[in-house]
Protein backbone atom coordinates (compact mmCIF):
# COMPACT_ATOMS: atom_id res chain seq x y z
CA MET A 1 -2.27 25.16 -52.39
CA LYS A 2 -1.91 21.96 -54.37
CA TYR A 3 -0.14 19.21 -52.68
CA ARG A 4 1.23 16.68 -55.42
CA GLN A 5 4.62 14.97 -55.21
CA LEU A 6 5.81 12.57 -57.79
CA PHE A 7 8.21 10.19 -56.93
CA PRO A 8 10.38 7.63 -59.08
CA HIS A 9 8.20 5.02 -60.77
CA GLY A 10 5.00 7.20 -60.80
CA LEU A 11 3.99 7.00 -57.30
CA ILE A 12 2.14 9.97 -56.08
CA VAL A 13 1.68 10.56 -52.45
CA ILE A 14 -0.31 13.17 -50.90
CA PRO A 15 -0.51 13.84 -47.06
CA ALA A 16 -3.40 11.76 -45.38
CA MET A 17 -3.82 14.84 -42.94
CA LEU A 18 -5.42 16.80 -45.80
CA ILE A 19 -8.27 14.15 -46.26
CA LEU A 20 -11.56 14.90 -44.22
CA THR A 21 -13.32 12.00 -42.63
CA GLY A 22 -16.93 11.26 -43.83
CA CYS A 23 -19.71 10.21 -41.64
CA SER A 24 -19.75 6.86 -40.17
CA ASN A 25 -23.17 6.06 -41.43
CA ALA A 26 -22.33 6.61 -45.07
CA PRO A 27 -21.49 4.11 -47.64
CA THR A 28 -17.89 2.99 -47.74
CA VAL A 29 -17.91 3.97 -51.66
CA GLN A 30 -20.55 5.81 -53.55
CA ILE A 31 -20.32 4.91 -57.39
CA HIS A 32 -21.99 7.14 -59.94
CA TYR A 33 -22.14 6.37 -63.42
CA LEU A 34 -21.52 9.43 -65.81
CA GLY A 35 -21.86 7.21 -69.05
CA HIS A 36 -19.36 4.97 -71.38
CA ALA A 37 -16.16 4.56 -69.43
CA SER A 38 -16.45 7.51 -66.84
CA PHE A 39 -17.64 7.00 -63.17
CA LEU A 40 -17.32 9.44 -60.25
CA MET A 41 -16.47 7.49 -56.88
CA ARG A 42 -17.00 9.26 -53.58
CA PHE A 43 -15.17 7.59 -50.65
CA ASP A 44 -16.07 7.92 -47.07
CA ASN A 45 -12.80 9.58 -46.28
CA GLY A 46 -13.87 12.66 -48.46
CA LEU A 47 -11.79 11.68 -51.53
CA THR A 48 -13.66 11.71 -55.07
CA VAL A 49 -12.09 9.93 -57.97
CA LEU A 50 -13.28 10.56 -61.62
CA THR A 51 -12.38 7.96 -64.19
CA ASP A 52 -12.16 8.38 -68.03
CA TYR A 53 -13.64 11.72 -68.40
CA GLY A 54 -14.11 11.61 -72.27
CA GLU A 55 -16.11 13.41 -74.82
CA SER A 56 -19.71 12.73 -74.94
CA ARG A 57 -21.25 10.51 -77.90
CA ALA A 58 -17.59 10.63 -79.30
CA TRP A 59 -17.33 9.49 -82.79
CA GLY A 60 -20.95 10.38 -83.29
CA LEU A 61 -22.26 7.22 -81.42
CA ASP A 62 -24.70 7.06 -78.77
CA SER A 63 -22.68 6.64 -75.63
CA PRO A 64 -23.38 9.95 -73.49
CA ILE A 65 -20.92 11.19 -70.80
CA TYR A 66 -22.73 13.45 -68.35
CA ASP A 67 -21.09 16.42 -66.71
CA CYS A 68 -19.36 15.62 -63.54
CA GLY A 69 -20.54 18.59 -61.85
CA SER A 70 -19.02 21.83 -60.53
CA LYS A 71 -16.87 20.42 -57.78
CA GLU A 72 -13.60 19.41 -58.95
CA PRO A 73 -12.45 15.96 -58.14
CA ASP A 74 -9.48 14.78 -56.09
CA ILE A 75 -8.12 12.42 -58.46
CA VAL A 76 -8.79 11.88 -62.23
CA THR A 77 -7.64 8.54 -64.03
CA TYR A 78 -7.28 8.38 -67.76
CA SER A 79 -6.75 4.73 -69.38
CA HIS A 80 -5.59 6.33 -72.56
CA ASP A 81 -6.09 9.42 -74.64
CA HIS A 82 -8.82 8.58 -77.08
CA ALA A 83 -11.64 10.89 -77.31
CA ASP A 84 -14.15 8.81 -75.73
CA HIS A 85 -11.91 8.47 -72.54
CA GLN A 86 -10.14 12.04 -72.26
CA ARG A 87 -11.65 15.35 -72.98
CA GLU A 88 -9.66 18.71 -73.23
CA ILE A 89 -10.08 20.04 -69.71
CA THR A 90 -7.74 21.85 -67.34
CA TRP A 91 -8.15 20.75 -63.64
CA GLU A 92 -6.90 23.33 -61.20
CA GLN A 93 -6.00 20.91 -58.09
CA ALA A 94 -7.02 17.39 -59.32
CA THR A 95 -4.16 14.83 -59.14
CA ILE A 96 -4.00 13.31 -62.71
CA LEU A 97 -3.00 9.76 -63.04
CA THR A 98 -1.97 8.29 -66.46
CA ALA A 99 0.06 5.24 -67.77
CA THR A 100 1.97 3.99 -64.91
CA ASP A 101 1.13 6.63 -62.24
CA SER A 102 -0.08 5.02 -58.88
CA LEU A 103 -1.09 6.69 -55.72
CA SER A 104 -1.54 6.26 -52.04
CA LEU A 105 -3.73 8.65 -50.32
CA GLY A 106 -5.93 8.66 -47.12
CA GLY A 107 -6.22 4.87 -47.02
CA LEU A 108 -6.86 4.56 -50.94
CA THR A 109 -4.57 3.04 -53.05
CA VAL A 110 -4.82 3.38 -56.86
CA THR A 111 -2.68 0.71 -58.69
CA PRO A 112 -2.16 0.86 -62.62
CA ILE A 113 -2.26 -2.40 -64.79
CA ARG A 114 -1.08 -1.92 -68.26
CA THR A 115 -3.37 -3.63 -70.65
CA CYS A 116 -4.16 -3.75 -74.41
CA GLU A 117 -6.77 -2.62 -76.67
CA LEU A 118 -5.57 -3.18 -80.18
CA ASP A 119 -2.97 -5.96 -80.18
CA LEU A 120 -1.75 -8.56 -77.55
CA GLU A 121 1.92 -7.29 -77.70
CA THR A 122 1.33 -3.53 -77.28
CA PRO A 123 0.22 -2.19 -74.01
CA ASP A 124 -1.65 0.88 -75.02
CA ASN A 125 -4.19 1.24 -72.02
CA THR A 126 -4.14 1.32 -68.12
CA SER A 127 -6.58 -0.61 -65.97
CA TYR A 128 -6.85 1.01 -62.49
CA LEU A 129 -7.29 -1.03 -59.32
CA PHE A 130 -8.73 1.04 -56.44
CA THR A 131 -8.22 -0.55 -53.07
CA TYR A 132 -9.98 0.86 -50.03
CA LYS A 133 -10.77 -0.64 -46.67
CA GLY A 134 -10.26 -4.06 -48.15
CA LEU A 135 -12.62 -3.44 -51.12
CA LYS A 136 -11.08 -3.95 -54.62
CA ILE A 137 -12.68 -1.90 -57.53
CA LEU A 138 -11.18 -2.81 -60.89
CA HIS A 139 -11.78 -0.28 -63.86
CA LEU A 140 -10.91 -2.50 -66.61
CA ALA A 141 -10.48 0.15 -69.36
CA ASP A 142 -10.24 -0.54 -73.00
CA ALA A 143 -8.88 -4.18 -72.88
CA GLN A 144 -10.75 -5.21 -76.09
CA VAL A 145 -8.12 -7.33 -77.46
CA PHE A 146 -8.05 -9.55 -74.37
CA ILE A 147 -11.81 -9.84 -74.04
CA ARG A 148 -12.17 -10.64 -77.64
CA SER A 149 -9.38 -13.29 -77.45
CA ILE A 150 -10.21 -14.86 -74.15
CA ALA A 151 -11.05 -18.36 -75.77
CA GLN A 152 -7.31 -18.78 -76.17
CA GLN A 153 -5.56 -20.67 -73.36
CA GLU A 154 -2.52 -18.44 -73.58
CA VAL A 155 -4.62 -15.30 -73.19
CA GLN A 156 -6.67 -16.76 -70.26
CA GLU A 157 -3.09 -17.33 -68.75
CA ARG A 158 -2.05 -13.86 -69.33
CA VAL A 159 -5.38 -12.43 -67.97
CA ARG A 160 -4.92 -14.49 -64.73
CA VAL A 161 -1.43 -12.84 -64.20
CA LEU A 162 -2.63 -9.31 -64.99
CA TYR A 163 -5.79 -9.66 -62.92
CA PRO A 164 -5.11 -12.07 -60.00
CA GLU A 165 -7.32 -10.56 -57.36
CA LYS A 166 -10.94 -11.14 -56.06
CA TYR A 167 -12.52 -8.01 -57.15
CA ASP A 168 -15.56 -6.61 -55.24
CA VAL A 169 -16.54 -4.53 -58.34
CA LEU A 170 -15.41 -5.11 -61.85
CA LEU A 171 -16.18 -1.89 -64.02
CA MET A 172 -16.45 -4.11 -67.36
CA THR A 173 -15.95 -3.17 -70.85
CA ILE A 174 -18.90 -4.90 -72.97
CA GLU A 175 -18.58 -3.42 -76.44
CA GLY A 176 -15.82 -1.61 -78.39
CA ARG A 177 -14.56 -1.35 -82.04
CA THR A 178 -16.74 -4.73 -82.43
CA GLN A 179 -19.44 -6.55 -80.63
CA PHE A 180 -18.18 -9.24 -78.17
CA ILE A 181 -21.16 -10.15 -75.85
CA PRO A 182 -20.13 -13.98 -75.39
CA GLN A 183 -16.45 -13.08 -75.08
CA ALA A 184 -17.26 -10.55 -72.21
CA GLU A 185 -19.28 -13.09 -70.36
CA ALA A 186 -16.27 -15.57 -70.52
CA PHE A 187 -13.88 -12.91 -69.35
CA ILE A 188 -16.36 -12.19 -66.24
CA ASP A 189 -16.49 -16.15 -65.82
CA LEU A 190 -12.83 -16.08 -65.68
CA LEU A 191 -12.18 -13.31 -63.29
CA GLN A 192 -15.21 -14.28 -61.04
CA PRO A 193 -15.64 -10.90 -59.51
CA LYS A 194 -18.40 -10.21 -56.94
CA ARG A 195 -20.21 -7.72 -58.99
CA VAL A 196 -19.94 -6.32 -62.47
CA ILE A 197 -21.17 -2.97 -63.69
CA PRO A 198 -21.20 -2.92 -67.44
CA MET A 199 -19.60 0.08 -69.02
CA HIS A 200 -18.35 1.02 -72.56
CA TYR A 201 -21.07 0.32 -74.92
CA TRP A 202 -22.57 2.43 -77.47
CA SER A 203 -26.37 2.11 -76.94
CA ALA A 204 -28.80 1.03 -74.15
CA VAL A 205 -30.17 -1.50 -76.62
CA TYR A 206 -26.84 -3.32 -76.85
CA LYS A 207 -26.39 -3.31 -72.82
CA ALA A 208 -29.91 -4.90 -72.81
CA SER A 209 -28.71 -7.63 -75.08
CA PHE A 210 -25.64 -8.26 -72.94
CA LEU A 211 -27.76 -8.64 -69.94
CA ASN A 212 -30.46 -10.98 -71.75
CA TYR A 213 -27.40 -13.07 -72.68
CA LEU A 214 -26.44 -13.44 -69.17
CA VAL A 215 -29.95 -14.52 -68.30
CA ARG A 216 -29.82 -17.20 -71.10
CA GLN A 217 -26.38 -18.42 -69.58
CA ASN A 218 -28.26 -19.03 -66.28
CA ARG A 219 -30.56 -21.14 -67.99
CA ARG A 220 -28.41 -23.21 -70.29
CA SER A 221 -25.07 -23.18 -68.62
CA GLY A 222 -26.04 -23.14 -64.81
CA LYS A 223 -24.28 -19.76 -64.37
CA LYS A 224 -25.48 -17.83 -61.42
CA TYR A 225 -25.64 -14.19 -62.42
CA GLN A 226 -27.94 -11.96 -60.47
CA ILE A 227 -29.08 -9.08 -62.70
CA GLU A 228 -29.93 -5.87 -60.67
CA ARG A 229 -31.48 -3.11 -62.83
CA ILE A 230 -31.08 -0.39 -60.25
CA GLY A 231 -32.84 2.44 -62.60
CA SER A 232 -30.34 5.20 -61.63
CA ALA A 233 -26.66 6.07 -61.90
CA GLU A 234 -25.91 5.55 -58.03
CA TYR A 235 -24.72 2.27 -56.49
CA ALA A 236 -23.69 2.22 -52.76
CA LEU A 237 -21.04 -0.16 -51.63
CA TRP A 238 -20.39 -1.04 -48.14
CA GLU A 239 -17.38 -2.21 -46.42
CA SER A 240 -19.28 -5.30 -45.13
CA ASP A 241 -22.12 -6.70 -46.90
CA GLY A 242 -22.36 -10.33 -45.94
CA ASP A 243 -22.00 -13.22 -48.10
CA MET A 244 -22.94 -13.39 -51.83
CA SER A 245 -24.10 -16.09 -53.99
CA GLY A 246 -23.34 -15.71 -57.69
CA ILE A 247 -22.08 -12.81 -59.55
CA GLN A 248 -24.17 -9.55 -59.00
CA VAL A 249 -24.55 -7.67 -62.44
CA ILE A 250 -25.39 -3.98 -61.71
CA SER A 251 -27.03 -2.29 -64.63
CA LEU A 252 -26.53 1.52 -63.82
CA ASP A 253 -28.18 4.37 -66.14
CA PRO A 254 -25.83 7.31 -66.78
CA ALA A 255 -26.95 10.58 -65.64
CA ALA A 256 -25.50 13.79 -64.11
CA PRO A 257 -24.77 13.86 -60.47
CA ALA A 258 -27.12 15.83 -58.27
CA PRO A 259 -26.10 19.38 -57.50
């Protein structure tokens, strides 16, 4: 039986009693990068969330999105309906969130933040904030126009209003219709998240250029980016992991999850 109740204002609530409790020694959140803007997140309460499960190598460009596996996720979020963010697939049981849908389930809160890809006056995308056990994970979505225009004072002020939190993980768009490495770095510098996972780029070579730019920013501008080239698609996030110095930039290599 599918438990899904949609209330006014897009709030979706599912009974917490349906959620299985995970093992106490497991990571609080296991983040798996499927490619482009698609992540599979497994929470220690048993929930799985799939973001922006789009077509692999959409538009003929080299941005693969690997298969998410045979087990259906509990929650699927779509930032918008472009082919690289949403593929034609029918989920039998998953709760689908789009636009202004929000959700509260088993200690996990999913909050939509309407954002812009094409122009500053037209919200056409949704960033999603995932809050769980005090951890805040922000999937930025396709907020390209804010990134490209981040040098403008009025845009900086709008970004601070849209994204006022101190994020534990920022899933950060670093390429789009154009290339904007310096602007993406300035956007990160404005938000000051604890961790950044680069996403939404069209080649591994471009991502390497982005990481190299951050290294140069450390040398010439006194920034403190800590580049972590994980060498896999998995990153484990724990509820309490001590103090951090500088912003960790975690480079994941997209892959299909283990069976």
